[in-house]
Amino acid sequence: MEPSTSRSEFLGEPVLFHPFHGENIELLEHRRRALRRVSFEKGIVFSERALLEGECFFISIEGVEGGWSGHLRIGLTTLDPETRPTLRNLESHSWLFSVSPFIVPFPNPVTTRSLPTEKGSLIGVYYEKSGGTPRIHVVLNGFDICPNFGTVPADQLFFAVVDVFGSTKEVRVVFPGPRVPARLYTLCSDRLRCLYNERKCSLSRKHMTLLTMVGRGYDSRNR
């Protein structure tokens, strides 16, 4: 099943958090920010609608809190938040990726400023279909990784789901911005990544993040 609304109707339109959320969450700024007020758990939030194929739901970490173990989780679910799903149902119908400071999806040395669990990190999730089978991707500060979730059902609607868990205290939706022609972006980004991997050019964390975000239709100037 595909979202009934066409892709063109959603380009440039922000996807906010759904009004339904975990009991410790408070939504602020017209559902753009999600703050976990107490505890370390019950901080689930959803995208307000199903994502289109290739559409990335980006968030930034706006606040962290010491004294807790664990960090944010992000992924996709086939459960419509309009049905007010329970946590038990959510776990069995979702594919969640646990963000960790030890995740290093690139070969160069990592400084503490580049940890994906820190305040200011930009994290996204999207899916694409390869041979009809959905593949879920997670973007960590501009680096695209494809976790092994096993079999993901086809012909389903996928909502973004974020667990504001542990030391992650607050997240914010990053709005979509101007898109660039897909073919032009693909050619440019592939060439830049090739040069970067061959150590023929240097890209900062910020530029790698912007490269991925602009290609997915997002612009940090709209933060």
N, C-alpha and C. Protein backbone atom coordinates (compact mmCIF):
# COMPACT_ATOMS: atom_id res chain seq x y z
N MET A 1 0.85 -1.19 0.00
CA MET A 1 0.00 0.00 0.00
C MET A 1 0.88 1.24 0.00
N GLU A 2 0.51 2.22 -0.81
CA GLU A 2 1.26 3.46 -0.89
C GLU A 2 0.43 4.60 -0.30
N PRO A 3 1.08 5.63 0.24
CA PRO A 3 0.32 6.79 0.69
C PRO A 3 -0.53 7.33 -0.44
N SER A 4 -1.78 7.70 -0.13
CA SER A 4 -2.72 8.10 -1.17
C SER A 4 -2.39 9.45 -1.77
N THR A 5 -1.70 10.29 -1.03
CA THR A 5 -1.36 11.62 -1.53
C THR A 5 -0.10 11.56 -2.37
N SER A 6 -0.09 12.27 -3.48
CA SER A 6 1.04 12.20 -4.39
C SER A 6 2.26 12.87 -3.78
N ARG A 7 3.45 12.50 -4.30
CA ARG A 7 4.70 13.07 -3.81
C ARG A 7 4.74 14.58 -3.99
N SER A 8 4.24 15.06 -5.14
CA SER A 8 4.33 16.49 -5.42
C SER A 8 3.58 17.33 -4.40
N GLU A 9 2.52 16.77 -3.80
CA GLU A 9 1.75 17.52 -2.83
C GLU A 9 2.51 17.72 -1.52
N PHE A 10 3.54 16.90 -1.27
CA PHE A 10 4.24 16.96 0.00
C PHE A 10 5.58 17.67 -0.10
N LEU A 11 6.09 17.93 -1.31
CA LEU A 11 7.39 18.56 -1.43
C LEU A 11 7.36 19.93 -0.78
N GLY A 12 8.29 20.16 0.12
CA GLY A 12 8.36 21.44 0.80
C GLY A 12 7.43 21.56 1.99
N GLU A 13 6.63 20.55 2.25
CA GLU A 13 5.70 20.62 3.37
C GLU A 13 6.30 19.92 4.58
N PRO A 14 6.34 20.57 5.73
CA PRO A 14 6.94 19.94 6.91
C PRO A 14 6.12 18.77 7.43
N VAL A 15 6.81 17.76 7.90
CA VAL A 15 6.16 16.64 8.58
C VAL A 15 6.43 16.81 10.06
N LEU A 16 5.41 17.10 10.83
CA LEU A 16 5.55 17.33 12.26
C LEU A 16 5.37 16.03 13.03
N PHE A 17 5.46 16.11 14.35
CA PHE A 17 5.15 14.96 15.19
C PHE A 17 3.63 14.79 15.28
N HIS A 18 3.21 13.55 15.37
CA HIS A 18 1.79 13.26 15.54
C HIS A 18 1.36 13.65 16.96
N PRO A 19 0.11 14.08 17.15
CA PRO A 19 -0.35 14.46 18.50
C PRO A 19 -0.29 13.33 19.52
N PHE A 20 -0.38 12.06 19.05
CA PHE A 20 -0.30 10.94 19.99
C PHE A 20 1.16 10.66 20.31
N HIS A 21 1.48 10.47 21.59
CA HIS A 21 2.87 10.28 22.00
C HIS A 21 2.92 9.58 23.35
N GLY A 22 4.12 9.21 23.76
CA GLY A 22 4.32 8.59 25.06
C GLY A 22 3.95 9.52 26.20
N GLU A 23 3.62 8.95 27.34
CA GLU A 23 3.06 9.75 28.44
C GLU A 23 4.04 10.74 29.06
N ASN A 24 5.35 10.54 28.87
CA ASN A 24 6.32 11.48 29.44
C ASN A 24 6.76 12.57 28.46
N ILE A 25 6.14 12.58 27.28
CA ILE A 25 6.51 13.55 26.24
C ILE A 25 5.59 14.77 26.28
N GLU A 26 6.19 15.93 26.08
CA GLU A 26 5.43 17.15 25.85
C GLU A 26 5.83 17.69 24.48
N LEU A 27 4.84 17.94 23.63
CA LEU A 27 5.11 18.50 22.31
C LEU A 27 5.04 20.02 22.38
N LEU A 28 6.02 20.68 21.78
CA LEU A 28 6.14 22.13 21.81
C LEU A 28 6.29 22.68 20.40
N GLU A 29 6.19 23.99 20.28
CA GLU A 29 6.36 24.66 18.98
C GLU A 29 5.48 24.03 17.91
N HIS A 30 4.21 23.89 18.22
CA HIS A 30 3.24 23.35 17.25
C HIS A 30 3.65 21.97 16.75
N ARG A 31 4.09 21.13 17.69
CA ARG A 31 4.46 19.74 17.43
C ARG A 31 5.75 19.60 16.63
N ARG A 32 6.59 20.60 16.69
CA ARG A 32 7.91 20.49 16.06
C ARG A 32 8.94 19.93 17.04
N ARG A 33 8.81 20.22 18.31
CA ARG A 33 9.75 19.76 19.34
C ARG A 33 9.09 18.73 20.23
N ALA A 34 9.89 17.76 20.66
CA ALA A 34 9.41 16.74 21.60
C ALA A 34 10.36 16.70 22.78
N LEU A 35 9.83 17.02 23.97
CA LEU A 35 10.63 17.06 25.19
C LEU A 35 10.13 16.00 26.16
N ARG A 36 11.06 15.15 26.65
CA ARG A 36 10.69 14.19 27.68
C ARG A 36 10.87 14.87 29.03
N ARG A 37 9.77 15.08 29.71
CA ARG A 37 9.79 15.87 30.94
C ARG A 37 10.41 15.13 32.12
N VAL A 38 10.11 13.86 32.28
CA VAL A 38 10.57 13.10 33.45
C VAL A 38 11.04 11.73 33.01
N SER A 39 11.72 11.04 33.93
CA SER A 39 12.14 9.65 33.74
C SER A 39 13.10 9.51 32.55
N PHE A 40 13.28 8.28 32.11
CA PHE A 40 14.18 7.99 31.00
C PHE A 40 13.45 7.26 29.88
N GLU A 41 12.16 6.97 30.08
CA GLU A 41 11.42 6.13 29.14
C GLU A 41 10.06 6.77 28.81
N LYS A 42 9.24 5.99 28.10
CA LYS A 42 7.90 6.43 27.68
C LYS A 42 7.98 7.75 26.92
N GLY A 43 8.94 7.78 25.99
CA GLY A 43 9.17 8.99 25.20
C GLY A 43 8.97 8.77 23.71
N ILE A 44 8.00 7.93 23.34
CA ILE A 44 7.75 7.62 21.94
C ILE A 44 7.03 8.78 21.24
N VAL A 45 7.49 9.11 20.03
CA VAL A 45 6.80 10.07 19.17
C VAL A 45 6.79 9.51 17.75
N PHE A 46 5.82 9.97 16.95
CA PHE A 46 5.63 9.48 15.59
C PHE A 46 5.61 10.64 14.61
N SER A 47 5.84 10.33 13.34
CA SER A 47 5.56 11.31 12.30
C SER A 47 4.05 11.42 12.14
N GLU A 48 3.58 12.59 11.75
CA GLU A 48 2.13 12.80 11.70
C GLU A 48 1.47 12.10 10.51
N ARG A 49 2.25 11.65 9.57
CA ARG A 49 1.71 10.90 8.44
C ARG A 49 2.72 9.86 8.00
N ALA A 50 2.26 8.95 7.13
CA ALA A 50 3.17 7.96 6.57
C ALA A 50 4.16 8.63 5.63
N LEU A 51 5.37 8.10 5.59
CA LEU A 51 6.41 8.65 4.73
C LEU A 51 6.29 8.08 3.32
N LEU A 52 6.68 8.88 2.36
CA LEU A 52 6.79 8.41 0.99
C LEU A 52 8.11 7.68 0.83
N GLU A 53 8.19 6.82 -0.17
CA GLU A 53 9.45 6.13 -0.44
C GLU A 53 10.53 7.17 -0.75
N GLY A 54 11.67 7.06 -0.09
CA GLY A 54 12.76 8.00 -0.31
C GLY A 54 12.66 9.29 0.47
N GLU A 55 11.56 9.49 1.19
CA GLU A 55 11.38 10.71 1.98
C GLU A 55 11.99 10.51 3.36
N CYS A 56 12.94 11.36 3.71
CA CYS A 56 13.65 11.19 4.98
C CYS A 56 13.04 12.08 6.06
N PHE A 57 12.79 11.48 7.20
CA PHE A 57 12.29 12.21 8.38
C PHE A 57 13.49 12.54 9.24
N PHE A 58 13.87 13.82 9.26
CA PHE A 58 15.06 14.26 9.98
C PHE A 58 14.69 14.90 11.31
N ILE A 59 15.50 14.61 12.32
CA ILE A 59 15.39 15.28 13.61
C ILE A 59 16.78 15.71 14.05
N SER A 60 16.83 16.69 14.92
CA SER A 60 18.08 17.07 15.56
C SER A 60 17.94 16.85 17.05
N ILE A 61 19.03 16.46 17.68
CA ILE A 61 19.04 16.31 19.14
C ILE A 61 19.22 17.70 19.75
N GLU A 62 18.24 18.12 20.52
CA GLU A 62 18.24 19.47 21.09
C GLU A 62 18.62 19.50 22.57
N GLY A 63 18.54 18.37 23.23
CA GLY A 63 18.88 18.34 24.65
C GLY A 63 19.26 16.95 25.10
N VAL A 64 20.25 16.87 25.98
CA VAL A 64 20.67 15.60 26.56
C VAL A 64 20.71 15.77 28.08
N GLU A 65 20.64 14.65 28.77
CA GLU A 65 20.61 14.67 30.24
C GLU A 65 21.46 13.53 30.77
N GLY A 66 22.42 13.87 31.62
CA GLY A 66 23.29 12.86 32.20
C GLY A 66 22.58 12.02 33.25
N GLY A 67 23.22 10.92 33.61
CA GLY A 67 22.68 10.07 34.66
C GLY A 67 21.86 8.89 34.16
N TRP A 68 21.61 8.83 32.85
CA TRP A 68 20.85 7.72 32.28
C TRP A 68 21.74 6.93 31.33
N SER A 69 21.42 5.66 31.19
CA SER A 69 22.09 4.83 30.19
C SER A 69 21.18 4.71 28.98
N GLY A 70 21.78 4.49 27.82
CA GLY A 70 21.00 4.37 26.60
C GLY A 70 20.76 5.72 25.94
N HIS A 71 20.34 5.65 24.68
CA HIS A 71 20.15 6.86 23.89
C HIS A 71 18.94 6.70 22.98
N LEU A 72 18.74 7.70 22.18
CA LEU A 72 17.63 7.75 21.23
C LEU A 72 17.57 6.52 20.33
N ARG A 73 16.36 6.11 20.00
CA ARG A 73 16.13 5.09 18.97
C ARG A 73 15.27 5.71 17.88
N ILE A 74 15.51 5.30 16.65
CA ILE A 74 14.75 5.83 15.52
C ILE A 74 14.51 4.72 14.52
N GLY A 75 13.37 4.78 13.83
CA GLY A 75 13.06 3.77 12.84
C GLY A 75 11.71 4.00 12.21
N LEU A 76 11.12 2.92 11.74
CA LEU A 76 9.83 2.97 11.07
C LEU A 76 8.87 1.98 11.71
N THR A 77 7.59 2.27 11.60
CA THR A 77 6.56 1.37 12.10
C THR A 77 5.42 1.31 11.11
N THR A 78 4.75 0.17 11.07
CA THR A 78 3.56 0.03 10.23
C THR A 78 2.30 0.39 11.00
N LEU A 79 2.43 0.74 12.26
CA LEU A 79 1.28 1.10 13.08
C LEU A 79 0.94 2.58 12.90
N ASP A 80 -0.29 2.85 12.59
CA ASP A 80 -0.76 4.22 12.44
C ASP A 80 -0.97 4.82 13.83
N PRO A 81 -0.30 5.93 14.15
CA PRO A 81 -0.47 6.52 15.49
C PRO A 81 -1.91 6.93 15.79
N GLU A 82 -2.73 7.07 14.76
CA GLU A 82 -4.14 7.38 14.99
C GLU A 82 -4.84 6.27 15.77
N THR A 83 -4.29 5.04 15.71
CA THR A 83 -4.89 3.91 16.43
C THR A 83 -4.42 3.84 17.88
N ARG A 84 -3.55 4.78 18.28
CA ARG A 84 -3.02 4.83 19.66
C ARG A 84 -2.43 3.48 20.07
N PRO A 85 -1.40 3.03 19.37
CA PRO A 85 -0.83 1.70 19.64
C PRO A 85 -0.18 1.62 21.02
N THR A 86 -0.21 0.43 21.60
CA THR A 86 0.48 0.18 22.87
C THR A 86 1.95 -0.08 22.60
N LEU A 87 2.76 0.01 23.63
CA LEU A 87 4.18 -0.23 23.48
C LEU A 87 4.44 -1.66 23.02
N ARG A 88 3.65 -2.61 23.53
CA ARG A 88 3.83 -4.01 23.13
C ARG A 88 3.58 -4.18 21.64
N ASN A 89 2.50 -3.58 21.13
CA ASN A 89 2.22 -3.67 19.71
C ASN A 89 3.28 -2.96 18.89
N LEU A 90 3.77 -1.85 19.42
CA LEU A 90 4.78 -1.08 18.70
C LEU A 90 6.04 -1.89 18.48
N GLU A 91 6.50 -2.56 19.50
CA GLU A 91 7.75 -3.31 19.40
C GLU A 91 7.66 -4.44 18.37
N SER A 92 6.48 -5.01 18.19
CA SER A 92 6.33 -6.14 17.27
C SER A 92 6.01 -5.71 15.84
N HIS A 93 5.77 -4.42 15.62
CA HIS A 93 5.45 -3.93 14.29
C HIS A 93 6.35 -2.78 13.88
N SER A 94 7.53 -2.72 14.47
CA SER A 94 8.44 -1.60 14.20
C SER A 94 9.86 -2.11 14.01
N TRP A 95 10.66 -1.28 13.38
CA TRP A 95 12.08 -1.56 13.17
C TRP A 95 12.84 -0.35 13.68
N LEU A 96 13.40 -0.50 14.88
CA LEU A 96 14.03 0.62 15.57
C LEU A 96 15.54 0.41 15.66
N PHE A 97 16.27 1.47 15.40
CA PHE A 97 17.73 1.45 15.44
C PHE A 97 18.18 2.24 16.65
N SER A 98 19.00 1.62 17.50
CA SER A 98 19.51 2.28 18.70
C SER A 98 20.76 3.08 18.36
N VAL A 99 20.67 4.38 18.51
CA VAL A 99 21.81 5.25 18.24
C VAL A 99 22.78 5.16 19.41
N SER A 100 24.05 4.98 19.10
CA SER A 100 25.06 4.78 20.13
C SER A 100 26.27 5.66 19.84
N PRO A 101 26.98 6.12 20.87
CA PRO A 101 28.20 6.89 20.63
C PRO A 101 29.31 6.05 20.03
N PHE A 102 29.14 4.73 20.06
CA PHE A 102 30.17 3.84 19.54
C PHE A 102 29.96 3.48 18.07
N ILE A 103 28.88 4.00 17.47
CA ILE A 103 28.64 3.74 16.05
C ILE A 103 29.57 4.62 15.24
N VAL A 104 30.40 4.00 14.42
CA VAL A 104 31.34 4.74 13.57
C VAL A 104 31.14 4.25 12.14
N PRO A 105 30.21 4.85 11.37
CA PRO A 105 29.95 4.37 10.03
C PRO A 105 30.92 4.87 8.98
N PHE A 106 32.07 5.43 9.41
CA PHE A 106 33.05 5.94 8.46
C PHE A 106 34.43 5.66 9.04
N PRO A 107 35.47 5.56 8.18
CA PRO A 107 36.77 5.07 8.63
C PRO A 107 37.65 6.06 9.36
N ASN A 108 37.43 7.36 9.19
CA ASN A 108 38.35 8.32 9.79
C ASN A 108 38.13 8.44 11.30
N PRO A 109 39.16 8.87 12.04
CA PRO A 109 39.03 8.97 13.49
C PRO A 109 37.87 9.87 13.90
N VAL A 110 37.24 9.53 15.02
CA VAL A 110 36.08 10.28 15.50
C VAL A 110 36.47 11.08 16.73
N THR A 111 36.11 12.33 16.74
CA THR A 111 36.31 13.14 17.94
C THR A 111 35.03 13.16 18.73
N THR A 112 35.10 13.63 19.95
CA THR A 112 33.90 13.66 20.78
C THR A 112 32.84 14.58 20.20
N ARG A 113 33.25 15.54 19.38
CA ARG A 113 32.28 16.47 18.81
C ARG A 113 31.45 15.83 17.70
N SER A 114 31.87 14.68 17.21
CA SER A 114 31.15 14.06 16.10
C SER A 114 30.30 12.88 16.53
N LEU A 115 30.15 12.67 17.83
CA LEU A 115 29.36 11.54 18.29
C LEU A 115 27.88 11.76 17.95
N PRO A 116 27.22 10.73 17.41
CA PRO A 116 25.83 10.90 16.97
C PRO A 116 24.83 11.05 18.11
N THR A 117 25.27 10.85 19.35
CA THR A 117 24.35 10.98 20.49
C THR A 117 24.39 12.36 21.12
N GLU A 118 25.23 13.24 20.61
CA GLU A 118 25.40 14.55 21.24
C GLU A 118 24.39 15.57 20.75
N LYS A 119 24.22 16.61 21.54
CA LYS A 119 23.37 17.73 21.17
C LYS A 119 23.86 18.32 19.86
N GLY A 120 22.93 18.57 18.96
CA GLY A 120 23.27 19.11 17.65
C GLY A 120 23.36 18.08 16.55
N SER A 121 23.37 16.79 16.91
CA SER A 121 23.43 15.75 15.89
C SER A 121 22.15 15.73 15.07
N LEU A 122 22.31 15.44 13.78
CA LEU A 122 21.18 15.34 12.85
C LEU A 122 21.00 13.89 12.45
N ILE A 123 19.82 13.37 12.70
CA ILE A 123 19.55 11.95 12.49
C ILE A 123 18.27 11.81 11.68
N GLY A 124 18.30 10.91 10.71
CA GLY A 124 17.12 10.73 9.87
C GLY A 124 16.85 9.28 9.58
N VAL A 125 15.65 9.01 9.07
CA VAL A 125 15.26 7.65 8.69
C VAL A 125 14.41 7.73 7.43
N TYR A 126 14.62 6.80 6.53
CA TYR A 126 13.81 6.70 5.32
C TYR A 126 13.87 5.26 4.82
N TYR A 127 13.05 4.96 3.82
CA TYR A 127 13.10 3.63 3.22
C TYR A 127 13.10 3.74 1.71
N GLU A 128 13.65 2.74 1.08
CA GLU A 128 13.59 2.61 -0.37
C GLU A 128 13.34 1.15 -0.69
N LYS A 129 12.83 0.91 -1.88
CA LYS A 129 12.50 -0.46 -2.27
C LYS A 129 13.50 -0.95 -3.30
N SER A 130 14.09 -2.11 -3.01
CA SER A 130 15.03 -2.74 -3.91
C SER A 130 14.46 -4.10 -4.30
N GLY A 131 14.04 -4.23 -5.54
CA GLY A 131 13.41 -5.46 -5.97
C GLY A 131 12.08 -5.69 -5.28
N GLY A 132 11.42 -4.60 -4.89
CA GLY A 132 10.12 -4.71 -4.23
C GLY A 132 10.20 -4.87 -2.73
N THR A 133 11.41 -5.09 -2.20
CA THR A 133 11.59 -5.27 -0.76
C THR A 133 12.06 -3.97 -0.12
N PRO A 134 11.35 -3.47 0.88
CA PRO A 134 11.77 -2.22 1.52
C PRO A 134 13.09 -2.39 2.28
N ARG A 135 13.95 -1.40 2.16
CA ARG A 135 15.19 -1.35 2.93
C ARG A 135 15.18 -0.05 3.72
N ILE A 136 15.40 -0.17 5.02
CA ILE A 136 15.36 0.99 5.91
C ILE A 136 16.76 1.56 6.07
N HIS A 137 16.88 2.86 5.91
CA HIS A 137 18.16 3.56 6.04
C HIS A 137 18.09 4.52 7.22
N VAL A 138 19.21 4.66 7.90
CA VAL A 138 19.35 5.63 8.98
C VAL A 138 20.51 6.56 8.61
N VAL A 139 20.29 7.85 8.75
CA VAL A 139 21.32 8.85 8.43
C VAL A 139 21.83 9.45 9.73
N LEU A 140 23.13 9.33 9.97
CA LEU A 140 23.76 9.85 11.18
C LEU A 140 24.75 10.94 10.80
N ASN A 141 24.38 12.18 11.03
CA ASN A 141 25.26 13.30 10.73
C ASN A 141 25.83 13.23 9.31
N GLY A 142 24.96 12.91 8.37
CA GLY A 142 25.35 12.90 6.97
C GLY A 142 25.81 11.57 6.43
N PHE A 143 25.97 10.57 7.28
CA PHE A 143 26.42 9.25 6.84
C PHE A 143 25.23 8.29 6.81
N ASP A 144 25.01 7.71 5.65
CA ASP A 144 23.87 6.84 5.40
C ASP A 144 24.26 5.39 5.68
N ILE A 145 23.55 4.75 6.60
CA ILE A 145 23.80 3.35 6.89
C ILE A 145 22.50 2.57 6.72
N CYS A 146 22.65 1.28 6.44
CA CYS A 146 21.48 0.44 6.21
C CYS A 146 21.53 -0.73 7.19
N PRO A 147 20.93 -0.59 8.37
CA PRO A 147 20.97 -1.66 9.37
C PRO A 147 20.30 -2.93 8.85
N ASN A 148 20.75 -4.05 9.35
CA ASN A 148 20.16 -5.34 8.96
C ASN A 148 18.96 -5.62 9.85
N PHE A 149 17.79 -5.26 9.37
CA PHE A 149 16.56 -5.50 10.11
C PHE A 149 15.89 -6.81 9.72
N GLY A 150 16.51 -7.55 8.81
CA GLY A 150 15.86 -8.77 8.35
C GLY A 150 14.76 -8.44 7.36
N THR A 151 13.71 -9.23 7.39
CA THR A 151 12.61 -9.05 6.44
C THR A 151 11.69 -7.93 6.89
N VAL A 152 11.49 -6.98 6.00
CA VAL A 152 10.55 -5.88 6.22
C VAL A 152 9.40 -6.06 5.24
N PRO A 153 8.16 -6.08 5.69
CA PRO A 153 7.04 -6.36 4.79
C PRO A 153 6.87 -5.31 3.70
N ALA A 154 6.52 -5.78 2.52
CA ALA A 154 6.24 -4.87 1.41
C ALA A 154 4.77 -4.44 1.45
N ASP A 155 4.44 -3.46 0.62
CA ASP A 155 3.05 -2.99 0.48
C ASP A 155 2.46 -2.55 1.82
N GLN A 156 3.26 -1.84 2.60
CA GLN A 156 2.79 -1.31 3.88
C GLN A 156 3.06 0.20 3.92
N LEU A 157 2.29 0.89 4.74
CA LEU A 157 2.59 2.28 5.03
C LEU A 157 3.57 2.33 6.19
N PHE A 158 4.55 3.22 6.11
CA PHE A 158 5.56 3.33 7.16
C PHE A 158 5.53 4.73 7.76
N PHE A 159 5.37 4.77 9.08
CA PHE A 159 5.45 6.02 9.83
C PHE A 159 6.81 6.07 10.52
N ALA A 160 7.41 7.24 10.59
CA ALA A 160 8.63 7.38 11.38
C ALA A 160 8.28 7.30 12.86
N VAL A 161 9.15 6.66 13.63
CA VAL A 161 8.95 6.56 15.07
C VAL A 161 10.28 6.86 15.75
N VAL A 162 10.22 7.67 16.80
CA VAL A 162 11.41 8.06 17.55
C VAL A 162 11.15 7.78 19.02
N ASP A 163 12.11 7.13 19.66
CA ASP A 163 12.04 6.89 21.10
C ASP A 163 13.04 7.82 21.77
N VAL A 164 12.52 8.87 22.39
CA VAL A 164 13.38 9.83 23.12
C VAL A 164 13.73 9.17 24.44
N PHE A 165 14.81 8.41 24.41
CA PHE A 165 15.12 7.47 25.50
C PHE A 165 16.45 7.81 26.16
N GLY A 166 16.58 7.42 27.43
CA GLY A 166 17.85 7.51 28.13
C GLY A 166 18.37 8.93 28.23
N SER A 167 19.61 9.11 27.79
CA SER A 167 20.25 10.43 27.91
C SER A 167 19.73 11.44 26.90
N THR A 168 19.02 10.97 25.88
CA THR A 168 18.43 11.90 24.92
C THR A 168 17.19 12.53 25.54
N LYS A 169 17.18 13.82 25.68
CA LYS A 169 16.12 14.52 26.42
C LYS A 169 15.11 15.21 25.50
N GLU A 170 15.58 15.76 24.40
CA GLU A 170 14.71 16.56 23.53
C GLU A 170 15.16 16.46 22.08
N VAL A 171 14.20 16.38 21.17
CA VAL A 171 14.49 16.35 19.74
C VAL A 171 13.60 17.35 19.02
N ARG A 172 14.02 17.72 17.84
CA ARG A 172 13.28 18.69 17.03
C ARG A 172 13.22 18.20 15.59
N VAL A 173 12.06 18.37 14.96
CA VAL A 173 11.93 18.04 13.54
C VAL A 173 12.68 19.08 12.73
N VAL A 174 13.45 18.61 11.75
CA VAL A 174 14.13 19.49 10.82
C VAL A 174 13.28 19.57 9.57
N PHE A 175 12.86 20.77 9.22
CA PHE A 175 11.91 20.97 8.13
C PHE A 175 12.54 20.71 6.77
N PRO A 176 11.73 20.27 5.81
CA PRO A 176 12.22 20.13 4.43
C PRO A 176 12.45 21.49 3.81
N GLY A 177 13.36 21.51 2.87
CA GLY A 177 13.64 22.75 2.17
C GLY A 177 13.67 22.52 0.68
N PRO A 178 14.28 23.42 -0.08
CA PRO A 178 14.30 23.29 -1.54
C PRO A 178 14.97 22.01 -1.97
N ARG A 179 14.40 21.36 -2.96
CA ARG A 179 14.98 20.14 -3.51
C ARG A 179 15.84 20.50 -4.71
N VAL A 180 16.82 19.66 -4.98
CA VAL A 180 17.63 19.83 -6.19
C VAL A 180 17.26 18.69 -7.13
N PRO A 181 17.52 18.83 -8.43
CA PRO A 181 17.21 17.73 -9.35
C PRO A 181 17.89 16.46 -8.91
N ALA A 182 17.14 15.38 -8.85
CA ALA A 182 17.65 14.13 -8.30
C ALA A 182 18.89 13.64 -9.03
N ARG A 183 18.87 13.72 -10.37
CA ARG A 183 20.00 13.23 -11.14
C ARG A 183 21.26 14.05 -10.86
N LEU A 184 21.11 15.37 -10.82
CA LEU A 184 22.24 16.25 -10.53
C LEU A 184 22.80 15.95 -9.16
N TYR A 185 21.92 15.80 -8.17
CA TYR A 185 22.40 15.51 -6.82
C TYR A 185 23.16 14.19 -6.79
N THR A 186 22.60 13.17 -7.45
CA THR A 186 23.23 11.85 -7.44
C THR A 186 24.63 11.91 -8.01
N LEU A 187 24.78 12.59 -9.15
CA LEU A 187 26.09 12.70 -9.78
C LEU A 187 27.08 13.43 -8.88
N CYS A 188 26.64 14.55 -8.31
CA CYS A 188 27.54 15.34 -7.47
C CYS A 188 27.91 14.62 -6.18
N SER A 189 26.91 14.05 -5.51
CA SER A 189 27.18 13.40 -4.23
C SER A 189 28.03 12.16 -4.41
N ASP A 190 27.76 11.39 -5.47
CA ASP A 190 28.56 10.19 -5.72
C ASP A 190 30.02 10.56 -5.97
N ARG A 191 30.25 11.63 -6.73
CA ARG A 191 31.62 12.05 -7.01
C ARG A 191 32.31 12.54 -5.75
N LEU A 192 31.62 13.33 -4.94
CA LEU A 192 32.21 13.83 -3.70
C LEU A 192 32.54 12.69 -2.75
N ARG A 193 31.62 11.73 -2.62
CA ARG A 193 31.88 10.61 -1.73
C ARG A 193 33.05 9.77 -2.23
N CYS A 194 33.14 9.62 -3.55
CA CYS A 194 34.26 8.86 -4.12
C CYS A 194 35.58 9.54 -3.79
N LEU A 195 35.65 10.85 -4.01
CA LEU A 195 36.88 11.59 -3.70
C LEU A 195 37.19 11.54 -2.21
N TYR A 196 36.15 11.63 -1.39
CA TYR A 196 36.34 11.60 0.06
C TYR A 196 36.90 10.24 0.49
N ASN A 197 36.31 9.17 -0.04
CA ASN A 197 36.77 7.82 0.32
C ASN A 197 38.18 7.56 -0.16
N GLU A 198 38.56 8.18 -1.27
CA GLU A 198 39.92 8.03 -1.79
C GLU A 198 40.89 9.02 -1.15
N ARG A 199 40.39 9.77 -0.15
CA ARG A 199 41.20 10.75 0.58
C ARG A 199 41.78 11.84 -0.34
N LYS A 200 41.03 12.16 -1.41
CA LYS A 200 41.46 13.21 -2.32
C LYS A 200 40.78 14.55 -2.02
N CYS A 201 39.85 14.52 -1.09
CA CYS A 201 39.24 15.78 -0.66
C CYS A 201 38.83 15.63 0.79
N SER A 202 38.63 16.75 1.44
CA SER A 202 38.25 16.74 2.85
C SER A 202 36.89 17.40 3.01
N LEU A 203 35.98 16.71 3.70
CA LEU A 203 34.65 17.24 3.97
C LEU A 203 34.42 17.24 5.47
N SER A 204 34.00 18.37 5.98
CA SER A 204 33.71 18.46 7.41
C SER A 204 32.42 17.72 7.73
N ARG A 205 32.21 17.47 9.01
CA ARG A 205 30.97 16.84 9.45
C ARG A 205 29.77 17.64 8.97
N LYS A 206 29.85 18.97 9.07
CA LYS A 206 28.74 19.83 8.65
C LYS A 206 28.44 19.67 7.18
N HIS A 207 29.50 19.64 6.34
CA HIS A 207 29.28 19.54 4.90
C HIS A 207 28.75 18.16 4.51
N MET A 208 29.20 17.11 5.19
CA MET A 208 28.66 15.78 4.90
C MET A 208 27.19 15.72 5.27
N THR A 209 26.83 16.35 6.37
CA THR A 209 25.42 16.38 6.78
C THR A 209 24.57 17.13 5.76
N LEU A 210 25.04 18.30 5.34
CA LEU A 210 24.29 19.09 4.37
C LEU A 210 24.17 18.37 3.04
N LEU A 211 25.21 17.65 2.65
CA LEU A 211 25.18 16.90 1.40
C LEU A 211 24.04 15.90 1.40
N THR A 212 23.91 15.17 2.49
CA THR A 212 22.84 14.18 2.59
C THR A 212 21.49 14.84 2.71
N MET A 213 21.39 15.89 3.52
CA MET A 213 20.10 16.54 3.76
C MET A 213 19.55 17.19 2.51
N VAL A 214 20.39 17.92 1.78
CA VAL A 214 19.91 18.59 0.57
C VAL A 214 19.47 17.57 -0.46
N GLY A 215 20.21 16.47 -0.56
CA GLY A 215 19.84 15.44 -1.52
C GLY A 215 18.52 14.78 -1.19
N ARG A 216 18.17 14.74 0.08
CA ARG A 216 16.90 14.15 0.48
C ARG A 216 15.79 15.19 0.55
N GLY A 217 16.12 16.43 0.14
CA GLY A 217 15.09 17.46 0.12
C GLY A 217 15.02 18.29 1.37
N TYR A 218 16.14 18.34 2.14
CA TYR A 218 16.13 19.07 3.40
C TYR A 218 17.25 20.10 3.40
N ASP A 219 17.01 21.20 4.08
CA ASP A 219 17.95 22.31 4.11
C ASP A 219 18.06 22.81 5.53
N SER A 220 19.29 22.81 6.08
CA SER A 220 19.47 23.20 7.47
C SER A 220 19.15 24.67 7.71
N ARG A 221 19.03 25.47 6.67
CA ARG A 221 18.68 26.87 6.86
C ARG A 221 17.27 27.02 7.39
N ASN A 222 16.46 25.96 7.28
CA ASN A 222 15.09 26.03 7.77
C ASN A 222 14.96 25.55 9.19
N ARG A 223 16.06 25.29 9.84
CA ARG A 223 15.99 24.82 11.23
C ARG A 223 15.49 25.93 12.12
